[in-house]
C-alpha atoms as a PDB file:
ATOM      1  CA  MET A   1      -0.006  -0.004   0.006  1.00  0.00           C
ATOM      2  CA  GLU A   2       1.321   3.440  -0.901  1.00  0.00           C
ATOM      3  CA  TYR A   3       1.719   6.326   1.530  1.00  0.00           C
ATOM      4  CA  LYS A   4      -1.078   8.268  -0.178  1.00  0.00           C
ATOM      5  CA  ASP A   5      -3.407   5.340   0.550  1.00  0.00           C
ATOM      6  CA  LEU A   6      -2.254   5.269   4.189  1.00  0.00           C
ATOM      7  CA  ALA A   7      -2.642   9.013   4.717  1.00  0.00           C
ATOM      8  CA  ARG A   8      -6.208   8.721   6.078  1.00  0.00           C
ATOM      9  CA  ALA A   9      -5.526   5.605   8.151  1.00  0.00           C
ATOM     10  CA  GLY A  10      -7.235   5.792  11.542  1.00  0.00           C
ATOM     11  CA  LEU A  11      -9.109   9.032  10.906  1.00  0.00           C
ATOM     12  CA  ASP A  12     -12.487   7.372  10.586  1.00  0.00           C
ATOM     13  CA  ALA A  13     -12.071   4.639  13.208  1.00  0.00           C
ATOM     14  CA  GLY A  14     -14.777   4.377  15.855  1.00  0.00           C
ATOM     15  CA  LEU A  15     -13.391   5.473  19.221  1.00  0.00           C
ATOM     16  CA  PRO A  16     -14.986   5.822  22.676  1.00  0.00           C
ATOM     17  CA  GLU A  17     -16.769   9.047  23.555  1.00  0.00           C
ATOM     18  CA  ILE A  18     -15.052  11.593  25.782  1.00  0.00           C
ATOM     19  CA  GLU A  19     -17.335  12.407  28.706  1.00  0.00           C
ATOM     20  CA  VAL A  20     -17.616  15.763  30.421  1.00  0.00           C
ATOM     21  CA  PHE A  21     -18.896  17.343  33.629  1.00  0.00           C
ATOM     22  CA  SER A  22     -20.172  20.832  34.343  1.00  0.00           C
ATOM     23  CA  ASN A  23     -17.521  23.517  34.856  1.00  0.00           C
ATOM     24  CA  GLN A  24     -18.011  25.660  37.973  1.00  0.00           C
ATOM     25  CA  PHE A  25     -15.461  28.444  37.332  1.00  0.00           C
ATOM     26  CA  ILE A  26     -14.246  30.811  34.620  1.00  0.00           C
ATOM     27  CA  ASP A  27     -10.974  31.636  32.925  1.00  0.00           C
ATOM     28  CA  TYR A  28      -8.505  29.061  34.173  1.00  0.00           C
ATOM     29  CA  GLU A  29      -6.293  26.508  32.449  1.00  0.00           C
ATOM     30  CA  ILE A  30      -6.177  22.741  32.806  1.00  0.00           C
ATOM     31  CA  ALA A  31      -3.222  20.642  31.598  1.00  0.00           C
ATOM     32  CA  VAL A  32      -3.566  16.877  31.315  1.00  0.00           C
ATOM     33  CA  HIS A  33      -0.316  14.943  30.881  1.00  0.00           C
ATOM     34  CA  ILE A  34      -0.444  11.502  29.279  1.00  0.00           C
ATOM     35  CA  PRO A  35       3.048   9.975  29.530  1.00  0.00           C
ATOM     36  CA  GLU A  36       2.282   6.647  27.834  1.00  0.00           C
ATOM     37  CA  PHE A  37       0.550   7.189  24.485  1.00  0.00           C
ATOM     38  CA  THR A  38       0.831   4.366  21.973  1.00  0.00           C
ATOM     39  CA  SER A  39      -0.457   3.763  18.482  1.00  0.00           C
ATOM     40  CA  ILE A  40       0.606   1.701  15.469  1.00  0.00           C
ATOM     41  CA  CYS A  41       2.445   3.016  12.404  1.00  0.00           C
ATOM     42  CA  PRO A  42       0.187   2.147   9.444  1.00  0.00           C
ATOM     43  CA  LYS A  43       3.229   1.748   7.173  1.00  0.00           C
ATOM     44  CA  THR A  44       5.421  -0.537   9.301  1.00  0.00           C
ATOM     45  CA  ASN A  45       2.867  -1.937  11.781  1.00  0.00           C
ATOM     46  CA  HIS A  46       5.395  -1.158  14.531  1.00  0.00           C
ATOM     47  CA  PRO A  47       4.257   0.539  17.745  1.00  0.00           C
ATOM     48  CA  ASP A  48       4.777   4.269  18.207  1.00  0.00           C
ATOM     49  CA  PHE A  49       5.309   5.612  21.720  1.00  0.00           C
ATOM     50  CA  GLY A  50       4.929   9.183  22.878  1.00  0.00           C
ATOM     51  CA  ARG A  51       3.874  11.660  25.524  1.00  0.00           C
ATOM     52  CA  LEU A  52       0.814  13.886  25.121  1.00  0.00           C
ATOM     53  CA  THR A  53      -0.219  17.029  26.867  1.00  0.00           C
ATOM     54  CA  ILE A  54      -3.704  18.419  26.437  1.00  0.00           C
ATOM     55  CA  THR A  55      -3.994  21.976  27.706  1.00  0.00           C
ATOM     56  CA  TYR A  56      -7.319  23.782  27.611  1.00  0.00           C
ATOM     57  CA  ILE A  57      -9.412  26.612  28.984  1.00  0.00           C
ATOM     58  CA  PRO A  58     -12.835  25.169  29.809  1.00  0.00           C
ATOM     59  CA  ASP A  59     -16.071  26.874  28.940  1.00  0.00           C
ATOM     60  CA  ARG A  60     -19.196  24.996  30.120  1.00  0.00           C
ATOM     61  CA  TRP A  61     -17.526  21.573  30.422  1.00  0.00           C
ATOM     62  CA  CYS A  62     -14.453  19.887  31.877  1.00  0.00           C
ATOM     63  CA  VAL A  63     -13.123  16.576  30.590  1.00  0.00           C
ATOM     64  CA  GLU A  64     -13.867  13.490  32.709  1.00  0.00           C
ATOM     65  CA  LEU A  65     -10.455  11.824  33.046  1.00  0.00           C
ATOM     66  CA  LYS A  66     -11.475   8.150  33.091  1.00  0.00           C
ATOM     67  CA  SER A  67     -13.256   8.520  29.747  1.00  0.00           C
ATOM     68  CA  LEU A  68     -10.256  10.430  28.367  1.00  0.00           C
ATOM     69  CA  LYS A  69      -7.987   7.568  29.488  1.00  0.00           C
ATOM     70  CA  GLU A  70     -10.236   5.045  27.714  1.00  0.00           C
ATOM     71  CA  TYR A  71     -10.329   7.210  24.602  1.00  0.00           C
ATOM     72  CA  ILE A  72      -6.537   7.601  24.515  1.00  0.00           C
ATOM     73  CA  GLY A  73      -6.084   3.873  25.241  1.00  0.00           C
ATOM     74  CA  SER A  74      -8.132   3.039  22.159  1.00  0.00           C
ATOM     75  CA  TYR A  75      -5.242   4.283  20.001  1.00  0.00           C
ATOM     76  CA  ARG A  76      -3.057   1.402  21.266  1.00  0.00           C
ATOM     77  CA  ASN A  77      -3.998  -0.885  18.350  1.00  0.00           C
ATOM     78  CA  LEU A  78      -4.971   1.792  15.838  1.00  0.00           C
ATOM     79  CA  GLY A  79      -2.913   2.232  12.682  1.00  0.00           C
ATOM     80  CA  ILE A  80      -2.491   6.027  12.382  1.00  0.00           C
ATOM     81  CA  PHE A  81       0.323   8.442  11.578  1.00  0.00           C
ATOM     82  CA  TYR A  82       1.586  10.771  14.353  1.00  0.00           C
ATOM     83  CA  GLU A  83       0.219  13.868  12.681  1.00  0.00           C
ATOM     84  CA  ASN A  84      -3.197  12.333  12.170  1.00  0.00           C
ATOM     85  CA  ALA A  85      -3.386  11.075  15.755  1.00  0.00           C
ATOM     86  CA  VAL A  86      -2.629  14.472  17.286  1.00  0.00           C
ATOM     87  CA  ASN A  87      -5.041  16.324  14.990  1.00  0.00           C
ATOM     88  CA  ARG A  88      -7.772  13.742  15.575  1.00  0.00           C
ATOM     89  CA  ILE A  89      -7.303  13.939  19.339  1.00  0.00           C
ATOM     90  CA  LEU A  90      -7.735  17.716  19.217  1.00  0.00           C
ATOM     91  CA  ASP A  91     -10.795  17.487  16.961  1.00  0.00           C
ATOM     92  CA  ASP A  92     -12.459  14.834  19.119  1.00  0.00           C
ATOM     93  CA  PHE A  93     -11.584  16.701  22.342  1.00  0.00           C
ATOM     94  CA  VAL A  94     -13.105  19.922  20.972  1.00  0.00           C
ATOM     95  CA  GLN A  95     -16.194  18.060  19.747  1.00  0.00           C
ATOM     96  CA  TRP A  96     -16.975  16.695  23.215  1.00  0.00           C
ATOM     97  CA  VAL A  97     -15.503  19.227  25.663  1.00  0.00           C
ATOM     98  CA  LYS A  98     -16.123  22.440  23.673  1.00  0.00           C
ATOM     99  CA  PRO A  99     -13.338  24.434  25.345  1.00  0.00           C
ATOM    100  CA  LYS A 100     -12.669  28.122  24.828  1.00  0.00           C
ATOM    101  CA  LYS A 101      -9.120  27.232  23.739  1.00  0.00           C
ATOM    102  CA  ALA A 102      -7.150  24.014  23.562  1.00  0.00           C
ATOM    103  CA  LYS A 103      -3.729  22.732  22.607  1.00  0.00           C
ATOM    104  CA  VAL A 104      -2.547  19.168  22.088  1.00  0.00           C
ATOM    105  CA  GLU A 105       1.194  18.613  22.043  1.00  0.00           C
ATOM    106  CA  ALA A 106       2.806  15.250  21.465  1.00  0.00           C
ATOM    107  CA  GLU A 107       6.451  14.224  21.555  1.00  0.00           C
ATOM    108  CA  PHE A 108       7.093  10.817  20.049  1.00  0.00           C
ATOM    109  CA  ASN A 109      10.000   8.606  21.034  1.00  0.00           C
ATOM    110  CA  PRO A 110      12.940   8.493  18.612  1.00  0.00           C
ATOM    111  CA  ARG A 111      12.602   6.303  15.583  1.00  0.00           C
ATOM    112  CA  GLY A 112      15.653   6.085  13.369  1.00  0.00           C
ATOM    113  CA  GLY A 113      17.258   8.859  15.442  1.00  0.00           C
ATOM    114  CA  ILE A 114      14.413  11.305  14.770  1.00  0.00           C
ATOM    115  CA  VAL A 115      12.086  12.768  17.400  1.00  0.00           C
ATOM    116  CA  SER A 116       8.808  14.253  16.182  1.00  0.00           C
ATOM    117  CA  VAL A 117       6.911  16.921  18.128  1.00  0.00           C
ATOM    118  CA  ILE A 118       3.454  17.809  16.865  1.00  0.00           C
ATOM    119  CA  THR A 119       1.419  20.707  18.288  1.00  0.00           C
ATOM    120  CA  VAL A 120      -2.094  21.692  17.264  1.00  0.00           C
ATOM    121  CA  TRP A 121      -4.369  24.465  18.577  1.00  0.00           C
ATOM    122  CA  TYR A 122      -8.022  25.260  18.835  1.00  0.00           C
ATOM    123  CA  PRO A 123      -9.448  27.471  17.511  1.00  0.00           C
ATOM    124  CA  ARG A 124      -7.670  26.393  14.340  1.00  0.00           C
ATOM    125  CA  GLY A 125      -5.478  29.063  12.839  1.00  0.00           C
ATOM    126  CA  ILE A 126      -4.096  30.302  16.180  1.00  0.00           C
ATOM    127  CA  SER A 127      -0.706  29.512  17.597  1.00  0.00           C
ATOM    128  CA  GLU A 128       1.184  29.823  20.895  1.00  0.00           C
ATOM    129  CA  THR A 129       1.796  33.521  20.297  1.00  0.00           C
ATOM    130  CA  ASP A 130      -1.856  34.389  19.615  1.00  0.00           C
END
């Protein structure tokens, strides 16, 4: 299978819902560190290991951590490229939690001497300096 055929791997997979609970405060930041993220490279079928941090400013909802753990754990056997995984995590997180702002940053363990760090923001089109 060619890379172009693998590019969408994992993007449409059914994953558990992320649950929420009612936020009681305004204008504060929550950072959730996930030190043991794993997924499968769709090209090599080898495991990918990394560390994720989800940082967000809640609006009406806060993420329920057990459901987030189950959601993240569902990537363990999913064939998906790093970039797709991080972008999908942000999109799914925003869909369920509906934060004012969010950032997902992932640092993947070296493979072939290369470390990849992927960072995505919500709203889309903003960056760390915005």
